[in-house]
Amino acid sequence: MSGVFITLEGGDGAGKSTQSSLLAAWLREAGREVVTTREPGGTELGVEIRHLVQHRRGHVAPRAEALLYAADRAHHVATLVRPALERGAVVLQDRYLDSSIAYQGAGRVLGADEVRELSLWAADGLLPDLTVLLDLDPEEGRRRMASRADAPYDRLEAAPDDFHARVRRQYLALAASEPARFLVVDAAADPDAIHARVREGVAGLLEA
């Protein structure tokens, strides 16, 4: 595959959507074909799964939740991500398998290794060329999310504080274990400063 696969990760309220938009605009100005997408919800099937796992009011068993995310990932990679990479595009994606490892593996206490294996199987082994981790204290993330008065109910955002603390610790552990793939950025900084740091990391990847 001749394309480049970049994912953005981080807790709720870390600013992934903002940074994805800024990065996509910069890459397009540089003449790159950019495909922006997200998990779950990057395909028609993904939109249906997104509603189930994030907005369904009522209990969803943790293992069922993990499997729903994996189903979305399998379809998403096969029908959207790999075809874009094969034609040479830059795929810029909001959340990928590291989200499952952090949210289901650590947050839901299903086990990071088990969820990683499930996710890699679903994605047929596809890993990002670069993962940008926007690191933010969960309390600050909650404050940011609380300001979104029109935001719909989200089962994961509504999880208790200890859930989000586990998610953040797992993200940082993942970054420490794969420093060549991860770029960790302080998400409490000014958005323009964050963009400059992300752009620097992506530029290095594209040059390589």
C-alpha atoms as a PDB file:
ATOM      1  CA  MET A   1       0.000   0.000   0.000  1.00  0.00           C
ATOM      2  CA  SER A   2       1.344   3.406  -0.966  1.00  0.00           C
ATOM      3  CA  GLY A   3      -0.873   5.536   1.274  1.00  0.00           C
ATOM      4  CA  VAL A   4      -0.343   6.785   4.820  1.00  0.00           C
ATOM      5  CA  PHE A   5      -2.538   5.813   7.757  1.00  0.00           C
ATOM      6  CA  ILE A   6      -2.749   8.339  10.613  1.00  0.00           C
ATOM      7  CA  THR A   7      -5.024   7.941  13.628  1.00  0.00           C
ATOM      8  CA  LEU A   8      -5.967  10.391  16.367  1.00  0.00           C
ATOM      9  CA  GLU A   9      -6.611   9.068  19.856  1.00  0.00           C
ATOM     10  CA  GLY A  10      -7.392  10.486  23.273  1.00  0.00           C
ATOM     11  CA  GLY A  11     -10.023  10.768  25.930  1.00  0.00           C
ATOM     12  CA  ASP A  12     -13.348  12.534  25.537  1.00  0.00           C
ATOM     13  CA  GLY A  13     -12.963  16.269  25.004  1.00  0.00           C
ATOM     14  CA  ALA A  14      -9.305  16.048  23.939  1.00  0.00           C
ATOM     15  CA  GLY A  15      -9.940  17.900  20.673  1.00  0.00           C
ATOM     16  CA  LYS A  16      -9.537  15.116  18.116  1.00  0.00           C
ATOM     17  CA  SER A  17     -12.149  16.555  15.734  1.00  0.00           C
ATOM     18  CA  THR A  18     -10.520  20.000  15.783  1.00  0.00           C
ATOM     19  CA  GLN A  19      -7.047  18.631  15.135  1.00  0.00           C
ATOM     20  CA  SER A  20      -8.297  16.279  12.434  1.00  0.00           C
ATOM     21  CA  SER A  21      -9.882  19.191  10.563  1.00  0.00           C
ATOM     22  CA  LEU A  22      -6.743  21.336  10.844  1.00  0.00           C
ATOM     23  CA  LEU A  23      -4.470  18.520   9.752  1.00  0.00           C
ATOM     24  CA  ALA A  24      -6.701  17.550   6.830  1.00  0.00           C
ATOM     25  CA  ALA A  25      -6.738  21.146   5.565  1.00  0.00           C
ATOM     26  CA  TRP A  26      -2.936  21.377   5.778  1.00  0.00           C
ATOM     27  CA  LEU A  27      -2.436  18.084   3.945  1.00  0.00           C
ATOM     28  CA  ARG A  28      -4.869  19.051   1.185  1.00  0.00           C
ATOM     29  CA  GLU A  29      -3.091  22.375   0.732  1.00  0.00           C
ATOM     30  CA  ALA A  30       0.069  20.346   0.222  1.00  0.00           C
ATOM     31  CA  GLY A  31      -1.634  18.470  -2.617  1.00  0.00           C
ATOM     32  CA  ARG A  32      -2.423  15.225  -0.817  1.00  0.00           C
ATOM     33  CA  GLU A  33      -5.616  13.241  -1.227  1.00  0.00           C
ATOM     34  CA  VAL A  34      -7.032  12.998   2.295  1.00  0.00           C
ATOM     35  CA  VAL A  35      -9.763  10.650   3.471  1.00  0.00           C
ATOM     36  CA  THR A  36     -11.157  11.644   6.860  1.00  0.00           C
ATOM     37  CA  THR A  37     -13.120   9.035   8.757  1.00  0.00           C
ATOM     38  CA  ARG A  38     -13.910   7.788  12.237  1.00  0.00           C
ATOM     39  CA  GLU A  39     -14.670   4.700  14.278  1.00  0.00           C
ATOM     40  CA  PRO A  40     -17.348   3.780  14.760  1.00  0.00           C
ATOM     41  CA  GLY A  41     -19.415   5.477  12.092  1.00  0.00           C
ATOM     42  CA  GLY A  42     -17.190   5.749   9.030  1.00  0.00           C
ATOM     43  CA  THR A  43     -19.520   3.643   6.888  1.00  0.00           C
ATOM     44  CA  GLU A  44     -23.288   3.149   6.653  1.00  0.00           C
ATOM     45  CA  LEU A  45     -23.000   0.001   8.747  1.00  0.00           C
ATOM     46  CA  GLY A  46     -20.727   1.871  11.133  1.00  0.00           C
ATOM     47  CA  VAL A  47     -23.374   4.539  11.715  1.00  0.00           C
ATOM     48  CA  GLU A  48     -25.804   1.852  12.873  1.00  0.00           C
ATOM     49  CA  ILE A  49     -23.196   0.261  15.141  1.00  0.00           C
ATOM     50  CA  ARG A  50     -22.240   3.677  16.521  1.00  0.00           C
ATOM     51  CA  HIS A  51     -25.814   4.230  17.644  1.00  0.00           C
ATOM     52  CA  LEU A  52     -25.856   0.866  19.408  1.00  0.00           C
ATOM     53  CA  VAL A  53     -22.576   1.211  21.283  1.00  0.00           C
ATOM     54  CA  GLN A  54     -22.673   4.914  22.119  1.00  0.00           C
ATOM     55  CA  HIS A  55     -26.255   6.105  22.266  1.00  0.00           C
ATOM     56  CA  ARG A  56     -28.371   3.109  23.217  1.00  0.00           C
ATOM     57  CA  ARG A  57     -29.991   3.728  26.593  1.00  0.00           C
ATOM     58  CA  GLY A  58     -29.746   0.509  28.527  1.00  0.00           C
ATOM     59  CA  HIS A  59     -27.159  -2.089  29.414  1.00  0.00           C
ATOM     60  CA  VAL A  60     -24.784  -3.522  26.822  1.00  0.00           C
ATOM     61  CA  ALA A  61     -22.573  -6.360  28.088  1.00  0.00           C
ATOM     62  CA  PRO A  62     -18.866  -5.329  27.924  1.00  0.00           C
ATOM     63  CA  ARG A  63     -17.884  -8.267  25.711  1.00  0.00           C
ATOM     64  CA  ALA A  64     -20.771  -7.528  23.360  1.00  0.00           C
ATOM     65  CA  GLU A  65     -19.611  -3.901  23.219  1.00  0.00           C
ATOM     66  CA  ALA A  66     -16.072  -4.968  22.310  1.00  0.00           C
ATOM     67  CA  LEU A  67     -17.372  -7.286  19.593  1.00  0.00           C
ATOM     68  CA  LEU A  68     -19.564  -4.562  18.110  1.00  0.00           C
ATOM     69  CA  TYR A  69     -16.553  -2.258  17.834  1.00  0.00           C
ATOM     70  CA  ALA A  70     -14.568  -5.093  16.253  1.00  0.00           C
ATOM     71  CA  ALA A  71     -17.352  -5.735  13.724  1.00  0.00           C
ATOM     72  CA  ASP A  72     -17.361  -2.077  12.755  1.00  0.00           C
ATOM     73  CA  ARG A  73     -13.564  -2.116  12.438  1.00  0.00           C
ATOM     74  CA  ALA A  74     -13.525  -5.185  10.194  1.00  0.00           C
ATOM     75  CA  HIS A  75     -16.057  -3.674   7.782  1.00  0.00           C
ATOM     76  CA  HIS A  76     -14.516  -0.197   7.920  1.00  0.00           C
ATOM     77  CA  VAL A  77     -10.979  -1.367   7.147  1.00  0.00           C
ATOM     78  CA  ALA A  78     -12.063  -3.717   4.358  1.00  0.00           C
ATOM     79  CA  THR A  79     -14.414  -1.305   2.576  1.00  0.00           C
ATOM     80  CA  LEU A  80     -12.940   2.152   3.197  1.00  0.00           C
ATOM     81  CA  VAL A  81      -9.482   2.293   4.780  1.00  0.00           C
ATOM     82  CA  ARG A  82      -7.546  -0.293   2.755  1.00  0.00           C
ATOM     83  CA  PRO A  83      -8.961   0.834  -0.636  1.00  0.00           C
ATOM     84  CA  ALA A  84      -7.955   4.436   0.175  1.00  0.00           C
ATOM     85  CA  LEU A  85      -4.452   3.393   1.225  1.00  0.00           C
ATOM     86  CA  GLU A  86      -4.038   1.249  -1.872  1.00  0.00           C
ATOM     87  CA  ARG A  87      -4.684   4.211  -4.142  1.00  0.00           C
ATOM     88  CA  GLY A  88      -2.157   6.339  -2.221  1.00  0.00           C
ATOM     89  CA  ALA A  89      -4.389   8.525  -0.052  1.00  0.00           C
ATOM     90  CA  VAL A  90      -3.665   9.783   3.435  1.00  0.00           C
ATOM     91  CA  VAL A  91      -6.283   8.257   5.722  1.00  0.00           C
ATOM     92  CA  LEU A  92      -6.881  10.467   8.728  1.00  0.00           C
ATOM     93  CA  GLN A  93      -9.000   8.620  11.257  1.00  0.00           C
ATOM     94  CA  ASP A  94     -10.633   9.630  14.545  1.00  0.00           C
ATOM     95  CA  ARG A  95     -10.133   6.562  16.797  1.00  0.00           C
ATOM     96  CA  TYR A  96      -8.956   3.078  15.887  1.00  0.00           C
ATOM     97  CA  LEU A  97      -7.889  -0.068  17.710  1.00  0.00           C
ATOM     98  CA  ASP A  98      -6.066   1.820  20.483  1.00  0.00           C
ATOM     99  CA  SER A  99      -9.452   3.199  21.535  1.00  0.00           C
ATOM    100  CA  SER A 100     -10.761  -0.329  21.970  1.00  0.00           C
ATOM    101  CA  ILE A 101      -7.698  -1.333  23.982  1.00  0.00           C
ATOM    102  CA  ALA A 102      -8.125   1.712  26.225  1.00  0.00           C
ATOM    103  CA  TYR A 103     -11.916   1.861  26.550  1.00  0.00           C
ATOM    104  CA  GLN A 104     -12.891  -1.804  26.469  1.00  0.00           C
ATOM    105  CA  GLY A 105      -9.618  -3.404  27.499  1.00  0.00           C
ATOM    106  CA  ALA A 106      -8.878  -1.075  30.426  1.00  0.00           C
ATOM    107  CA  GLY A 107     -12.054   0.925  30.956  1.00  0.00           C
ATOM    108  CA  ARG A 108     -14.348  -2.113  30.864  1.00  0.00           C
ATOM    109  CA  VAL A 109     -11.563  -4.286  32.375  1.00  0.00           C
ATOM    110  CA  LEU A 110     -11.722  -6.898  29.612  1.00  0.00           C
ATOM    111  CA  GLY A 111      -7.938  -7.088  29.283  1.00  0.00           C
ATOM    112  CA  ALA A 112      -5.747  -5.009  26.978  1.00  0.00           C
ATOM    113  CA  ASP A 113      -4.021  -7.985  25.329  1.00  0.00           C
ATOM    114  CA  GLU A 114      -7.266  -9.791  24.572  1.00  0.00           C
ATOM    115  CA  VAL A 115      -8.912  -6.733  23.039  1.00  0.00           C
ATOM    116  CA  ARG A 116      -5.789  -5.929  21.016  1.00  0.00           C
ATOM    117  CA  GLU A 117      -5.757  -9.435  19.549  1.00  0.00           C
ATOM    118  CA  LEU A 118      -9.452  -9.162  18.675  1.00  0.00           C
ATOM    119  CA  SER A 119      -8.934  -5.772  17.041  1.00  0.00           C
ATOM    120  CA  LEU A 120      -5.916  -6.880  15.016  1.00  0.00           C
ATOM    121  CA  TRP A 121      -7.841  -9.916  13.787  1.00  0.00           C
ATOM    122  CA  ALA A 122     -10.765  -7.711  12.768  1.00  0.00           C
ATOM    123  CA  ALA A 123      -8.444  -5.292  10.947  1.00  0.00           C
ATOM    124  CA  ASP A 124      -6.416  -8.104   9.327  1.00  0.00           C
ATOM    125  CA  GLY A 125      -3.307  -6.839  11.105  1.00  0.00           C
ATOM    126  CA  LEU A 126      -3.439  -3.253   9.867  1.00  0.00           C
ATOM    127  CA  LEU A 127      -1.638  -0.789  12.165  1.00  0.00           C
ATOM    128  CA  PRO A 128      -1.366   2.989  11.686  1.00  0.00           C
ATOM    129  CA  ASP A 129       1.841   4.557  10.424  1.00  0.00           C
ATOM    130  CA  LEU A 130       1.377   7.243  13.085  1.00  0.00           C
ATOM    131  CA  THR A 131      -0.942   7.563  16.069  1.00  0.00           C
ATOM    132  CA  VAL A 132      -1.369  11.036  17.558  1.00  0.00           C
ATOM    133  CA  LEU A 133      -2.361  10.751  21.213  1.00  0.00           C
ATOM    134  CA  LEU A 134      -3.956  13.936  22.512  1.00  0.00           C
ATOM    135  CA  ASP A 135      -3.385  13.514  26.233  1.00  0.00           C
ATOM    136  CA  LEU A 136      -5.763  15.343  28.562  1.00  0.00           C
ATOM    137  CA  ASP A 137      -6.728  15.048  32.211  1.00  0.00           C
ATOM    138  CA  PRO A 138     -10.175  13.382  32.306  1.00  0.00           C
ATOM    139  CA  GLU A 139     -11.572  16.113  34.583  1.00  0.00           C
ATOM    140  CA  GLU A 140     -10.694  18.770  32.025  1.00  0.00           C
ATOM    141  CA  GLY A 141     -12.216  16.588  29.332  1.00  0.00           C
ATOM    142  CA  ARG A 142     -15.441  16.379  31.303  1.00  0.00           C
ATOM    143  CA  ARG A 143     -15.528  20.157  31.694  1.00  0.00           C
ATOM    144  CA  ARG A 144     -15.142  20.575  27.968  1.00  0.00           C
ATOM    145  CA  MET A 145     -17.842  18.018  27.208  1.00  0.00           C
ATOM    146  CA  ALA A 146     -20.219  19.633  29.704  1.00  0.00           C
ATOM    147  CA  SER A 147     -20.084  22.841  27.663  1.00  0.00           C
ATOM    148  CA  ARG A 148     -21.621  21.016  24.695  1.00  0.00           C
ATOM    149  CA  ALA A 149     -25.218  21.588  25.699  1.00  0.00           C
ATOM    150  CA  ASP A 150     -26.591  20.082  22.487  1.00  0.00           C
ATOM    151  CA  ALA A 151     -24.483  16.908  22.643  1.00  0.00           C
ATOM    152  CA  PRO A 152     -26.433  13.619  22.622  1.00  0.00           C
ATOM    153  CA  TYR A 153     -26.218  11.087  25.418  1.00  0.00           C
ATOM    154  CA  ASP A 154     -23.071   8.970  25.098  1.00  0.00           C
ATOM    155  CA  ARG A 155     -22.684   5.769  27.154  1.00  0.00           C
ATOM    156  CA  LEU A 156     -18.888   6.020  27.307  1.00  0.00           C
ATOM    157  CA  GLU A 157     -18.781   9.714  28.171  1.00  0.00           C
ATOM    158  CA  ALA A 158     -21.265   8.994  30.967  1.00  0.00           C
ATOM    159  CA  ALA A 159     -19.012   6.338  32.546  1.00  0.00           C
ATOM    160  CA  PRO A 160     -17.645   7.074  36.071  1.00  0.00           C
ATOM    161  CA  ASP A 161     -14.384   8.860  36.844  1.00  0.00           C
ATOM    162  CA  ASP A 162     -12.390   5.698  37.559  1.00  0.00           C
ATOM    163  CA  PHE A 163     -13.304   4.384  34.089  1.00  0.00           C
ATOM    164  CA  HIS A 164     -11.819   7.448  32.407  1.00  0.00           C
ATOM    165  CA  ALA A 165      -8.747   7.335  34.655  1.00  0.00           C
ATOM    166  CA  ARG A 166      -8.078   3.755  33.526  1.00  0.00           C
ATOM    167  CA  VAL A 167      -8.543   4.782  29.901  1.00  0.00           C
ATOM    168  CA  ARG A 168      -5.950   7.542  30.188  1.00  0.00           C
ATOM    169  CA  ARG A 169      -3.422   5.292  31.949  1.00  0.00           C
ATOM    170  CA  GLN A 170      -3.825   2.658  29.240  1.00  0.00           C
ATOM    171  CA  TYR A 171      -3.332   5.188  26.455  1.00  0.00           C
ATOM    172  CA  LEU A 172      -0.096   6.394  28.027  1.00  0.00           C
ATOM    173  CA  ALA A 173       1.056   2.804  28.544  1.00  0.00           C
ATOM    174  CA  LEU A 174       0.409   2.064  24.876  1.00  0.00           C
ATOM    175  CA  ALA A 175       2.390   5.121  23.823  1.00  0.00           C
ATOM    176  CA  ALA A 176       5.284   4.114  26.071  1.00  0.00           C
ATOM    177  CA  SER A 177       5.292   0.595  24.625  1.00  0.00           C
ATOM    178  CA  GLU A 178       5.301   1.775  20.977  1.00  0.00           C
ATOM    179  CA  PRO A 179       7.206   5.087  20.892  1.00  0.00           C
ATOM    180  CA  ALA A 180       7.981   4.772  17.181  1.00  0.00           C
ATOM    181  CA  ARG A 181       4.276   4.777  16.323  1.00  0.00           C
ATOM    182  CA  PHE A 182       2.906   7.241  18.876  1.00  0.00           C
ATOM    183  CA  LEU A 183       3.193  11.015  19.050  1.00  0.00           C
ATOM    184  CA  VAL A 184       1.975  12.198  22.458  1.00  0.00           C
ATOM    185  CA  VAL A 185       0.786  15.813  22.572  1.00  0.00           C
ATOM    186  CA  ASP A 186      -0.464  17.820  25.547  1.00  0.00           C
ATOM    187  CA  ALA A 187      -4.103  18.450  24.664  1.00  0.00           C
ATOM    188  CA  ALA A 188      -4.406  21.188  27.302  1.00  0.00           C
ATOM    189  CA  ALA A 189      -2.305  23.496  25.119  1.00  0.00           C
ATOM    190  CA  ASP A 190      -3.617  26.071  22.657  1.00  0.00           C
ATOM    191  CA  PRO A 191      -5.194  24.386  19.585  1.00  0.00           C
ATOM    192  CA  ASP A 192      -2.818  26.178  17.209  1.00  0.00           C
ATOM    193  CA  ALA A 193       0.196  25.042  19.239  1.00  0.00           C
ATOM    194  CA  ILE A 194      -1.136  21.478  19.208  1.00  0.00           C
ATOM    195  CA  HIS A 195      -1.620  21.651  15.448  1.00  0.00           C
ATOM    196  CA  ALA A 196       1.947  22.863  14.968  1.00  0.00           C
ATOM    197  CA  ARG A 197       3.269  19.917  16.983  1.00  0.00           C
ATOM    198  CA  VAL A 198       1.076  17.431  15.104  1.00  0.00           C
ATOM    199  CA  ARG A 199       2.030  18.931  11.759  1.00  0.00           C
ATOM    200  CA  GLU A 200       5.706  18.603  12.656  1.00  0.00           C
ATOM    201  CA  GLY A 201       5.263  14.915  13.424  1.00  0.00           C
ATOM    202  CA  VAL A 202       3.288  14.234  10.261  1.00  0.00           C
ATOM    203  CA  ALA A 203       5.780  16.118   8.114  1.00  0.00           C
ATOM    204  CA  GLY A 204       8.552  13.903   9.448  1.00  0.00           C
ATOM    205  CA  LEU A 205       6.511  10.816   8.616  1.00  0.00           C
ATOM    206  CA  LEU A 206       5.777  11.976   5.070  1.00  0.00           C
ATOM    207  CA  GLU A 207       9.428  12.853   4.455  1.00  0.00           C
ATOM    208  CA  ALA A 208      10.466   9.402   5.641  1.00  0.00           C
END
